[in-house]
Protein backbone atom coordinates (compact mmCIF):
# COMPACT_ATOMS: atom_id res chain seq x y z
CA UNK A 1 -24.24 -46.31 2.76
CA UNK A 2 -21.60 -43.85 3.80
CA UNK A 3 -21.14 -40.33 2.61
CA UNK A 4 -17.61 -41.14 1.52
CA UNK A 5 -14.63 -43.35 2.15
CA UNK A 6 -12.02 -40.79 2.83
CA UNK A 7 -8.54 -41.77 3.97
CA UNK A 8 -6.38 -42.98 1.08
CA UNK A 9 -4.26 -46.11 1.13
CA UNK A 10 -0.54 -45.81 0.61
CA UNK A 11 1.38 -47.64 -2.12
CA UNK A 12 -0.36 -51.00 -2.33
CA UNK A 13 1.09 -53.81 -4.43
CA UNK A 14 -0.20 -53.30 -7.99
CA UNK A 15 -3.23 -55.30 -9.07
CA UNK A 16 -2.83 -57.03 -12.42
CA UNK A 17 -5.44 -57.68 -15.09
CA UNK A 18 -7.15 -54.29 -15.29
CA UNK A 19 -7.00 -53.81 -19.05
CA UNK A 20 -10.39 -55.26 -20.01
CA UNK A 21 -12.49 -52.39 -21.35
CA UNK A 22 -16.03 -52.11 -22.66
CA UNK A 23 -17.18 -48.76 -23.97
CA UNK A 24 -19.99 -46.69 -25.40
CA UNK A 25 -18.43 -43.42 -26.54
CA UNK A 26 -19.76 -40.70 -28.83
CA UNK A 27 -17.65 -40.22 -31.93
CA UNK A 28 -19.97 -37.62 -33.39
CA UNK A 29 -21.91 -34.66 -32.10
CA UNK A 30 -25.33 -35.78 -30.89
CA UNK A 31 -28.59 -34.02 -30.29
CA UNK A 32 -30.90 -34.56 -27.37
CA UNK A 33 -34.26 -36.15 -28.08
CA UNK A 34 -36.05 -32.83 -27.89
CA UNK A 35 -33.93 -31.33 -30.67
CA UNK A 36 -32.15 -28.80 -28.48
CA UNK A 37 -28.54 -27.73 -28.90
CA UNK A 38 -26.01 -30.47 -29.70
CA UNK A 39 -23.90 -32.07 -27.00
CA UNK A 40 -20.13 -31.68 -27.43
CA UNK A 41 -18.12 -34.80 -28.05
CA UNK A 42 -14.94 -35.88 -26.32
CA UNK A 43 -11.80 -35.72 -28.42
CA UNK A 44 -9.71 -38.87 -28.90
CA UNK A 45 -7.01 -37.19 -26.80
CA UNK A 46 -9.46 -36.63 -23.93
CA UNK A 47 -10.57 -40.25 -24.06
CA UNK A 48 -6.94 -41.41 -23.98
CA UNK A 49 -6.18 -39.11 -21.04
CA UNK A 50 -9.18 -40.46 -19.13
CA UNK A 51 -8.16 -44.04 -19.94
CA UNK A 52 -4.62 -43.47 -18.70
CA UNK A 53 -5.79 -41.80 -15.52
CA UNK A 54 -8.39 -44.46 -14.70
CA UNK A 55 -5.96 -47.33 -15.34
CA UNK A 56 -3.37 -45.68 -13.08
CA UNK A 57 -5.87 -45.09 -10.25
CA UNK A 58 -7.24 -48.60 -10.44
CA UNK A 59 -3.77 -50.09 -10.19
CA UNK A 60 -2.80 -47.77 -7.34
CA UNK A 61 -5.97 -48.42 -5.31
CA UNK A 62 -6.38 -52.07 -6.38
CA UNK A 63 -9.89 -51.44 -7.68
CA UNK A 64 -11.19 -54.58 -9.43
CA UNK A 65 -13.73 -52.83 -11.67
CA UNK A 66 -15.06 -49.40 -12.54
CA UNK A 67 -17.64 -47.80 -14.82
CA UNK A 68 -17.43 -44.16 -15.88
CA UNK A 69 -20.27 -42.00 -17.15
CA UNK A 70 -19.68 -38.56 -18.68
CA UNK A 71 -22.82 -36.66 -19.64
CA UNK A 72 -23.57 -33.26 -21.13
CA UNK A 73 -27.08 -32.15 -20.13
CA UNK A 74 -27.94 -35.81 -19.69
CA UNK A 75 -26.60 -36.86 -23.11
CA UNK A 76 -23.96 -39.58 -22.96
CA UNK A 77 -20.47 -38.46 -24.00
CA UNK A 78 -18.83 -41.56 -22.53
CA UNK A 79 -20.09 -44.70 -20.86
CA UNK A 80 -17.18 -47.01 -20.31
CA UNK A 81 -16.22 -50.04 -18.29
CA UNK A 82 -12.78 -50.86 -16.94
CA UNK A 83 -11.47 -53.96 -15.21
CA UNK A 84 -13.55 -56.78 -13.79
CA UNK A 85 -17.14 -56.94 -12.61
CA UNK A 86 -16.41 -60.39 -11.18
CA UNK A 87 -12.83 -61.30 -10.34
CA UNK A 88 -13.46 -65.01 -9.81
CA UNK A 89 -15.12 -65.46 -13.21
CA UNK A 90 -12.97 -62.90 -15.05
CA UNK A 91 -16.06 -60.97 -16.23
CA UNK A 92 -15.28 -57.50 -17.60
CA UNK A 93 -17.15 -54.35 -16.63
CA UNK A 94 -19.28 -52.87 -19.42
CA UNK A 95 -21.62 -49.85 -19.52
CA UNK A 96 -24.56 -52.08 -18.62
CA UNK A 97 -22.87 -53.45 -15.49
CA UNK A 98 -24.88 -52.86 -12.32
CA UNK A 99 -23.20 -51.49 -9.20
CA UNK A 100 -24.68 -50.86 -5.77
CA UNK A 101 -25.68 -47.29 -5.06
CA UNK A 102 -24.75 -46.82 -1.43
CA UNK A 103 -25.89 -43.39 -0.32
CA UNK A 104 -26.20 -42.06 -3.86
CA UNK A 105 -29.61 -43.73 -3.55
CA UNK A 106 -30.64 -41.09 -1.01
CA UNK A 107 -31.24 -38.52 -3.76
CA UNK A 108 -34.02 -40.67 -5.20
CA UNK A 109 -35.63 -40.88 -1.78
CA UNK A 110 -35.45 -37.11 -1.31
CA UNK A 111 -37.05 -36.65 -4.75
CA UNK A 112 -39.86 -39.04 -3.80
CA UNK A 113 -40.49 -37.17 -0.55
CA UNK A 114 -40.66 -33.88 -2.45
CA UNK A 115 -43.21 -35.42 -4.84
CA UNK A 116 -45.37 -36.18 -1.82
CA UNK A 117 -44.78 -32.66 -0.51
CA UNK A 118 -46.02 -31.24 -3.82
CA UNK A 119 -49.14 -33.40 -3.50
CA UNK A 120 -49.76 -32.17 0.04
CA UNK A 121 -49.34 -35.64 1.53
CA UNK A 122 -46.19 -34.77 3.48
CA UNK A 123 -45.18 -31.41 4.96
CA UNK A 124 -41.53 -30.44 5.30
CA UNK A 125 -42.39 -28.72 8.59
CA UNK A 126 -44.35 -31.70 9.92
CA UNK A 127 -43.07 -33.24 13.12
CA UNK A 128 -42.09 -36.81 12.31
CA UNK A 129 -44.24 -37.90 15.24
CA UNK A 130 -47.15 -37.39 12.83
CA UNK A 131 -45.88 -40.46 10.96
CA UNK A 132 -44.43 -42.30 13.97
CA UNK A 133 -47.07 -41.78 16.68
CA UNK A 134 -45.41 -44.08 19.22
CA UNK A 135 -42.13 -42.15 19.11
CA UNK A 136 -40.67 -40.69 22.32
CA UNK A 137 -41.29 -37.05 23.21
CA UNK A 138 -37.73 -36.22 22.18
CA UNK A 139 -38.86 -36.70 18.57
CA UNK A 140 -41.54 -33.99 18.76
CA UNK A 141 -39.23 -31.27 17.49
CA UNK A 142 -37.72 -33.39 14.71
CA UNK A 143 -39.20 -32.23 11.41
CA UNK A 144 -39.30 -33.98 8.05
CA UNK A 145 -36.82 -31.43 6.68
CA UNK A 146 -34.42 -32.36 9.49
CA UNK A 147 -34.41 -35.96 8.29
CA UNK A 148 -33.80 -34.89 4.69
CA UNK A 149 -30.91 -32.61 5.67
CA UNK A 150 -29.25 -34.76 8.38
CA UNK A 151 -29.95 -32.18 11.07
CA UNK A 152 -32.35 -34.31 13.12
CA UNK A 153 -29.98 -35.12 15.97
CA UNK A 154 -31.12 -38.75 15.90
CA UNK A 155 -28.36 -41.22 16.69
CA UNK A 156 -26.81 -43.40 13.99
CA UNK A 157 -28.27 -46.89 13.91
CA UNK A 158 -25.49 -48.23 11.71
CA UNK A 159 -22.55 -48.19 14.11
CA UNK A 160 -20.13 -51.02 14.70
CA UNK A 161 -21.65 -51.83 18.09
CA UNK A 162 -25.34 -51.53 17.09
CA UNK A 163 -25.04 -53.66 13.97
CA UNK A 164 -22.83 -56.35 15.56
CA UNK A 165 -24.00 -59.69 16.97
CA UNK A 166 -25.02 -58.17 20.31
CA UNK A 167 -26.50 -55.00 18.85
CA UNK A 168 -30.17 -54.18 18.24
CA UNK A 169 -29.61 -53.89 14.48
CA UNK A 170 -27.52 -57.02 13.96
CA UNK A 171 -27.07 -57.09 10.20
CA UNK A 172 -27.25 -60.88 9.85
CA UNK A 173 -30.88 -60.85 11.07
CA UNK A 174 -34.10 -59.81 9.36
CA UNK A 175 -36.50 -57.28 10.87
CA UNK A 176 -39.87 -55.90 9.90
CA UNK A 177 -40.33 -52.17 9.36
CA UNK A 178 -42.23 -51.95 12.64
CA UNK A 179 -39.34 -53.62 14.44
CA UNK A 180 -36.85 -51.23 12.84
CA UNK A 181 -38.94 -48.25 13.93
CA UNK A 182 -39.24 -49.59 17.48
CA UNK A 183 -35.48 -50.10 17.70
CA UNK A 184 -34.82 -46.66 16.22
CA UNK A 185 -37.18 -45.02 18.71
CA UNK A 186 -35.05 -46.47 21.50
CA UNK A 187 -31.90 -44.72 20.27
CA UNK A 188 -30.67 -41.59 22.04
CA UNK A 189 -30.79 -38.05 20.68
CA UNK A 190 -27.28 -36.75 19.99
CA UNK A 191 -28.28 -33.07 19.76
CA UNK A 192 -31.35 -30.90 19.40
CA UNK A 193 -32.86 -30.80 15.88
CA UNK A 194 -31.26 -28.14 13.71
CA UNK A 195 -28.53 -27.40 16.23
CA UNK A 196 -25.82 -29.27 14.30
CA UNK A 197 -25.30 -31.29 11.14
CA UNK A 198 -24.35 -34.97 11.40
CA UNK A 199 -24.69 -37.58 8.67
CA UNK A 200 -26.99 -40.32 9.89
CA UNK A 201 -28.35 -43.22 7.84
CA UNK A 202 -31.10 -43.34 10.47
CA UNK A 203 -32.71 -40.30 8.81
CA UNK A 204 -33.25 -41.97 5.45
CA UNK A 205 -34.17 -45.30 7.00
CA UNK A 206 -37.12 -43.44 8.53
CA UNK A 207 -37.92 -41.52 5.33
CA UNK A 208 -38.31 -44.78 3.43
CA UNK A 209 -40.70 -46.13 6.05
CA UNK A 210 -42.54 -42.81 6.00
CA UNK A 211 -43.06 -43.12 2.23
CA UNK A 212 -44.54 -46.58 2.84
CA UNK A 213 -46.87 -45.27 5.54
CA UNK A 214 -48.11 -42.38 3.38
CA UNK A 215 -48.49 -44.18 0.05
CA UNK A 216 -49.17 -47.75 1.13
CA UNK A 217 -46.31 -48.83 -1.14
CA UNK A 218 -42.86 -50.06 -0.18
CA UNK A 219 -40.51 -47.16 -0.85
CA UNK A 220 -38.56 -48.97 -3.62
CA UNK A 221 -41.82 -49.82 -5.40
CA UNK A 222 -42.82 -46.17 -5.15
CA UNK A 223 -39.47 -45.12 -6.65
CA UNK A 224 -39.97 -47.58 -9.49
CA UNK A 225 -43.48 -46.31 -10.19
CA UNK A 226 -42.76 -42.58 -9.94
CA UNK A 227 -39.13 -42.28 -11.12
CA UNK A 228 -37.54 -45.34 -12.68
CA UNK A 229 -40.36 -46.40 -15.04
CA UNK A 230 -41.21 -42.88 -16.26
CA UNK A 231 -37.53 -42.26 -17.03
CA UNK A 232 -37.10 -45.73 -18.61
CA UNK A 233 -34.37 -46.55 -16.11
CA UNK A 234 -34.94 -50.21 -16.90
CA UNK A 235 -31.99 -51.61 -14.93
CA UNK A 236 -32.32 -49.59 -11.73
CA UNK A 237 -33.89 -51.57 -8.91
CA UNK A 238 -33.64 -52.70 -5.30
CA UNK A 239 -30.78 -55.00 -4.28
CA UNK A 240 -31.64 -58.69 -4.07
CA UNK A 241 -29.34 -61.62 -3.37
CA UNK A 242 -32.02 -64.08 -4.46
CA UNK A 243 -33.11 -62.69 -7.85
CA UNK A 244 -31.29 -63.49 -11.08
CA UNK A 245 -30.11 -60.04 -12.13
CA UNK A 246 -28.30 -59.64 -15.48
CA UNK A 247 -25.04 -57.67 -15.49
CA UNK A 248 -24.72 -57.56 -11.69
CA UNK A 249 -21.18 -56.78 -10.46
CA UNK A 250 -19.68 -58.40 -7.38
CA UNK A 251 -18.51 -56.18 -4.53
CA UNK A 252 -15.09 -56.40 -2.92
CA UNK A 253 -13.34 -55.28 0.26
CA UNK A 254 -9.70 -54.92 1.17
CA UNK A 255 -8.58 -56.87 4.22
CA UNK A 256 -4.95 -56.03 4.77
CA UNK A 257 -3.25 -56.88 1.49
CA UNK A 258 -6.06 -59.12 0.26
CA UNK A 259 -9.11 -58.43 -1.93
CA UNK A 260 -12.09 -60.37 -0.60
CA UNK A 261 -15.78 -60.67 -1.39
CA UNK A 262 -18.18 -58.23 0.23
CA UNK A 263 -19.54 -58.90 3.69
CA UNK A 264 -22.97 -60.53 3.73
CA UNK A 265 -25.94 -58.79 5.33
CA UNK A 266 -29.55 -59.88 5.67
CA UNK A 267 -32.21 -58.91 3.08
CA UNK A 268 -33.55 -56.32 5.54
CA UNK A 269 -30.39 -54.22 5.35
CA UNK A 270 -30.27 -54.53 1.57
CA UNK A 271 -33.73 -52.98 1.30
CA UNK A 272 -33.67 -49.89 3.53
CA UNK A 273 -33.97 -46.40 2.03
CA UNK A 274 -30.55 -45.19 3.12
CA UNK A 275 -28.89 -46.61 0.02
CA UNK A 276 -29.70 -50.08 -1.37
CA UNK A 277 -30.20 -49.78 -5.13
CA UNK A 278 -28.58 -51.22 -8.25
CA UNK A 279 -27.92 -48.89 -11.18
CA UNK A 280 -25.52 -48.40 -14.08
CA UNK A 281 -23.99 -45.47 -15.95
CA UNK A 282 -26.57 -45.71 -18.75
CA UNK A 283 -29.57 -45.34 -16.42
CA UNK A 284 -27.92 -42.54 -14.48
CA UNK A 285 -27.65 -40.51 -17.69
CA UNK A 286 -31.46 -40.58 -17.87
CA UNK A 287 -31.68 -39.46 -14.25
CA UNK A 288 -29.21 -36.64 -14.93
CA UNK A 289 -31.19 -35.45 -17.95
CA UNK A 290 -34.44 -35.45 -15.95
CA UNK A 291 -32.87 -33.20 -13.30
CA UNK A 292 -32.45 -30.44 -15.89
CA UNK A 293 -36.21 -30.32 -16.44
CA UNK A 294 -39.42 -30.23 -14.45
CA UNK A 295 -41.04 -33.45 -15.61
CA UNK A 296 -40.57 -35.12 -12.23
CA UNK A 297 -40.54 -32.17 -9.84
CA UNK A 298 -41.38 -28.48 -9.92
CA UNK A 299 -38.43 -26.13 -10.16
CA UNK A 300 -39.23 -24.84 -6.68
CA UNK A 301 -38.83 -28.37 -5.30
CA UNK A 302 -35.53 -28.88 -7.12
CA UNK A 303 -34.31 -25.55 -5.80
CA UNK A 304 -35.21 -26.62 -2.26
CA UNK A 305 -33.35 -29.91 -2.67
CA UNK A 306 -30.25 -28.07 -3.92
CA UNK A 307 -30.22 -25.33 -1.28
CA UNK A 308 -27.81 -25.69 1.63
CA UNK A 309 -29.98 -26.29 4.69
CA UNK A 310 -29.46 -23.71 7.46
CA UNK A 311 -28.94 -24.57 11.10
CA UNK A 312 -30.98 -22.98 13.88
CA UNK A 313 -28.55 -20.05 14.03
CA UNK A 314 -29.27 -19.24 10.39
CA UNK A 315 -25.82 -20.30 9.20
CA UNK A 316 -25.46 -22.93 6.47
CA UNK A 317 -24.63 -26.38 7.77
CA UNK A 318 -20.88 -27.10 7.57
CA UNK A 319 -21.26 -29.95 5.07
CA UNK A 320 -23.20 -27.72 2.62
CA UNK A 321 -25.87 -30.41 2.58
CA UNK A 322 -29.30 -29.92 1.03
CA UNK A 323 -31.80 -32.76 0.71
CA UNK A 324 -29.80 -35.81 -0.40
CA UNK A 325 -27.13 -33.71 -2.15
CA UNK A 326 -24.02 -31.73 -1.18
CA UNK A 327 -23.86 -28.28 -2.76
CA UNK A 328 -20.42 -26.79 -3.31
CA UNK A 329 -18.36 -24.80 -5.80
CA UNK A 330 -15.13 -25.71 -7.54
CA UNK A 331 -13.17 -22.92 -9.20
CA UNK A 332 -16.33 -20.80 -8.83
CA UNK A 333 -18.34 -23.42 -10.77
CA UNK A 334 -21.35 -24.85 -8.95
CA UNK A 335 -20.98 -28.53 -8.05
CA UNK A 336 -23.83 -30.67 -6.73
CA UNK A 337 -22.83 -34.21 -5.79
CA UNK A 338 -23.19 -37.17 -3.47
CA UNK A 339 -21.07 -40.23 -2.87
CA UNK A 340 -21.92 -43.62 -1.46
CA UNK A 341 -20.37 -46.83 -0.25
CA UNK A 342 -21.94 -50.15 0.75
CA UNK A 343 -21.16 -53.85 0.66
CA UNK A 344 -18.00 -53.71 -1.39
CA UNK A 345 -19.00 -50.78 -3.63
CA UNK A 346 -18.24 -47.04 -3.72
CA UNK A 347 -19.55 -44.48 -6.17
CA UNK A 348 -20.33 -40.82 -6.81
CA UNK A 349 -22.41 -38.59 -9.07
CA UNK A 350 -20.92 -35.11 -9.54
CA UNK A 351 -23.02 -32.53 -11.43
CA UNK A 352 -21.28 -29.36 -12.58
CA UNK A 353 -24.56 -27.65 -13.30
CA UNK A 354 -23.12 -24.34 -14.56
CA UNK A 355 -21.35 -26.37 -17.23
CA UNK A 356 -24.14 -28.95 -17.80
CA UNK A 357 -21.48 -31.60 -17.20
CA UNK A 358 -21.95 -34.67 -15.00
CA UNK A 359 -19.38 -37.29 -14.05
CA UNK A 360 -20.42 -40.65 -12.57
CA UNK A 361 -17.90 -43.07 -11.12
CA UNK A 362 -19.04 -46.54 -10.01
CA UNK A 363 -16.56 -48.98 -8.44
CA UNK A 364 -16.77 -52.41 -6.87
CA UNK A 365 -14.30 -51.74 -4.06
CA UNK A 366 -15.64 -50.23 -0.85
CA UNK A 367 -12.39 -48.43 0.00
CA UNK A 368 -11.92 -46.67 -3.35
CA UNK A 369 -12.08 -42.89 -3.77
CA UNK A 370 -14.65 -42.13 -6.47
CA UNK A 371 -14.89 -38.43 -5.57
CA UNK A 372 -11.24 -37.80 -6.29
CA UNK A 373 -11.55 -39.70 -9.57
CA UNK A 374 -14.69 -37.85 -10.68
CA UNK A 375 -13.13 -34.46 -10.00
CA UNK A 376 -10.01 -35.32 -11.97
CA UNK A 377 -12.06 -36.60 -14.91
CA UNK A 378 -14.06 -33.36 -14.92
CA UNK A 379 -10.79 -31.45 -15.23
CA UNK A 380 -9.75 -33.62 -18.17
CA UNK A 381 -13.05 -32.89 -19.91
CA UNK A 382 -13.09 -29.17 -19.05
CA UNK A 383 -9.79 -27.61 -17.89
CA UNK A 384 -11.76 -24.90 -16.03
CA UNK A 385 -12.91 -27.65 -13.65
CA UNK A 386 -9.47 -29.02 -12.88
CA UNK A 387 -9.15 -29.33 -9.08
CA UNK A 388 -6.65 -26.92 -7.56
CA UNK A 389 -3.29 -28.37 -6.52
CA UNK A 390 -3.06 -29.52 -2.92
CA UNK A 391 -2.35 -26.83 -0.36
CA UNK A 392 1.19 -26.89 0.97
CA UNK A 393 1.45 -27.93 4.60
CA UNK A 394 4.42 -27.30 6.87
CA UNK A 395 5.27 -29.69 9.67
CA UNK A 396 5.94 -28.09 13.06
CA UNK A 397 7.35 -29.63 16.24
CA UNK A 398 4.84 -30.47 18.99
CA UNK A 399 5.10 -32.15 22.37
CA UNK A 400 4.45 -35.89 21.87
CA UNK A 401 2.69 -35.92 25.24
CA UNK A 402 -0.26 -34.31 23.45
CA UNK A 403 -0.77 -37.54 21.55
CA UNK A 404 -2.01 -39.30 24.69
CA UNK A 405 -5.22 -37.26 24.40
CA UNK A 406 -5.71 -38.19 20.74
CA UNK A 407 -5.10 -41.94 20.80
CA UNK A 408 -8.36 -43.83 20.30
CA UNK A 409 -11.00 -44.95 17.84
CA UNK A 410 -13.32 -42.55 16.00
CA UNK A 411 -16.53 -43.37 14.10
CA UNK A 412 -16.09 -41.65 10.75
CA UNK A 413 -19.02 -43.41 9.12
CA UNK A 414 -21.08 -46.58 9.63
CA UNK A 415 -18.69 -49.54 9.75
CA UNK A 416 -15.80 -47.15 9.06
CA UNK A 417 -13.49 -46.42 11.99
CA UNK A 418 -10.39 -44.24 12.18
CA UNK A 419 -7.89 -45.49 14.76
CA UNK A 420 -5.28 -43.05 16.04
CA UNK A 421 -2.09 -44.48 17.51
CA UNK A 422 1.33 -43.15 18.54
CA UNK A 423 4.71 -44.77 18.04
CA UNK A 424 8.19 -43.39 18.77
CA UNK A 425 6.93 -39.84 19.10
CA UNK A 426 4.88 -39.89 15.89
CA UNK A 427 1.11 -40.01 15.32
CA UNK A 428 -0.61 -42.44 12.95
CA UNK A 429 -4.10 -42.90 11.52
CA UNK A 430 -5.56 -46.16 10.25
CA UNK A 431 -8.99 -46.51 8.68
CA UNK A 432 -11.07 -49.66 8.38
CA UNK A 433 -9.52 -52.00 5.82
CA UNK A 434 -6.61 -49.66 5.11
CA UNK A 435 -2.95 -49.47 6.17
CA UNK A 436 -1.62 -47.26 8.91
CA UNK A 437 -0.29 -43.89 7.69
CA UNK A 438 1.60 -41.20 9.55
CA UNK A 439 -0.07 -37.85 10.14
CA UNK A 440 2.08 -34.74 10.58
CA UNK A 441 1.40 -31.75 12.88
CA UNK A 442 1.01 -28.24 11.53
CA UNK A 443 -0.46 -27.05 14.85
CA UNK A 444 -1.00 -28.85 18.15
CA UNK A 445 -4.48 -29.98 17.03
CA UNK A 446 -4.22 -29.96 13.21
CA UNK A 447 -2.47 -32.71 11.25
CA UNK A 448 -2.00 -33.50 7.57
CA UNK A 449 -1.40 -36.60 5.48
CA UNK A 450 1.27 -36.81 2.82
CA UNK A 451 -0.17 -39.75 0.88
CA UNK A 452 -3.33 -37.81 -0.03
CA UNK A 453 -4.62 -34.26 0.28
CA UNK A 454 -6.44 -34.63 3.59
CA UNK A 455 -6.17 -33.16 7.07
CA UNK A 456 -7.34 -34.17 10.54
CA UNK A 457 -8.25 -31.77 13.34
CA UNK A 458 -8.83 -32.89 16.92
CA UNK A 459 -11.56 -31.30 19.05
CA UNK A 460 -10.53 -31.52 22.68
CA UNK A 461 -12.03 -30.94 26.11
CA UNK A 462 -10.48 -28.86 28.87
CA UNK A 463 -8.17 -31.75 29.77
CA UNK A 464 -6.76 -32.03 26.25
CA UNK A 465 -8.63 -35.26 25.51
CA UNK A 466 -10.10 -35.44 22.02
CA UNK A 467 -13.87 -35.89 21.92
CA UNK A 468 -14.00 -36.05 18.13
CA UNK A 469 -11.88 -35.56 15.06
CA UNK A 470 -12.75 -33.68 11.89
CA UNK A 471 -11.56 -35.00 8.54
CA UNK A 472 -11.03 -32.28 5.93
CA UNK A 473 -10.94 -33.60 2.38
CA UNK A 474 -12.25 -32.65 -1.06
CA UNK A 475 -13.86 -29.51 0.30
CA UNK A 476 -15.90 -31.31 2.98
CA UNK A 477 -15.54 -31.57 6.75
CA UNK A 478 -16.66 -34.86 8.27
CA UNK A 479 -16.99 -35.15 12.06
CA UNK A 480 -16.07 -38.44 13.71
CA UNK A 481 -17.05 -39.00 17.34
CA UNK A 482 -14.67 -40.76 19.67
CA UNK A 483 -15.72 -44.28 20.62
CA UNK A 484 -15.43 -45.21 24.28
């Protein structure tokens, strides 16, 4: 359910058997159902370039399986599967293969909330205490729009300590919605609402329960009724370990040098609104097409969703986050996107709306880098969207004694820790499930990686001890608090 898995692995041993391919690809110009202008097709050379790039990335990152969707104004230009949906049974990925959504599912929740806003059943400026009357007084100033934009200040429920065996949200146990709310109400407030931006799955956990309270329907049932059925997204649904679900992929994790099956969690944590859906690249084309029109939501609601939410000081939040989407530009082209990772899966939907081009990347490895892949594919489809080359960084000498203040563990995302260590006068970073990589100083507090275009900045107190680190990658800045 994370916003992204960000630090890249180094040169892993290559993973064999990634040549199985299933594809739906347009060989002719097609028209949309409403008879509007034709969608451009991909040339054979573009398809070959995408194939080569995907195969190379999968081997480098040891990704078992991947599905790619390329859409023009919602019309499918390419829907293609690579590698294996199930390694043990040697089942290939195809366009129909279902992957878990992770936090890409949040955009459906934000759309559902905006539907209820349009109907006058929820107010963006409502205090959430209206929907959670037993909440502590500290929640009084938290508004619905703060939940949607991750500016609530509520603490993250999905940390390593809180979801472990001794934590209140132990993920091997089942809880009712009321129990989840009670446990969430006991969490601390990290900052005053609107004062900062911090990605918290807690926000969307509460939004899903709020939808249930307002409509009387479990949030996933409401999504099915109001979004999935009207758009004929026939395969998109809530995760279930019990149901027989055709075309379901298996999720995988890297543990050292070994690919293993995804970690098991209870049905409760596969049904919360912070990112627990199945979908495929065919259904997401229908979702993409709907977002160009006003059949689901008014244009004013879509504009609100895709507007960077301001902090209390009037400045845009540093993540450029709207309601369930990140709003950025690439080469002066508007880019609206969101990534996700959960239970052995990682994915992204990247919408270049000025170009009516959307790239979807779905993988069944939780430590893959779908954002990087999507951006490179966009550049292969439209050279104007090619990501700029990495900025050159120059290493400078620093006093190794500074490292003593940086050594520690930092919570980058739920169940995703960055550990900073020092050896022989050098500093290293190691993320959950990934190898240790050296980071190189360009100032006393700013460091860069050589294996991937990413940088780390340390925020320190008056004693030089880091209180958090900031990961800069792919145009985003993700804050990671130090763990005691």
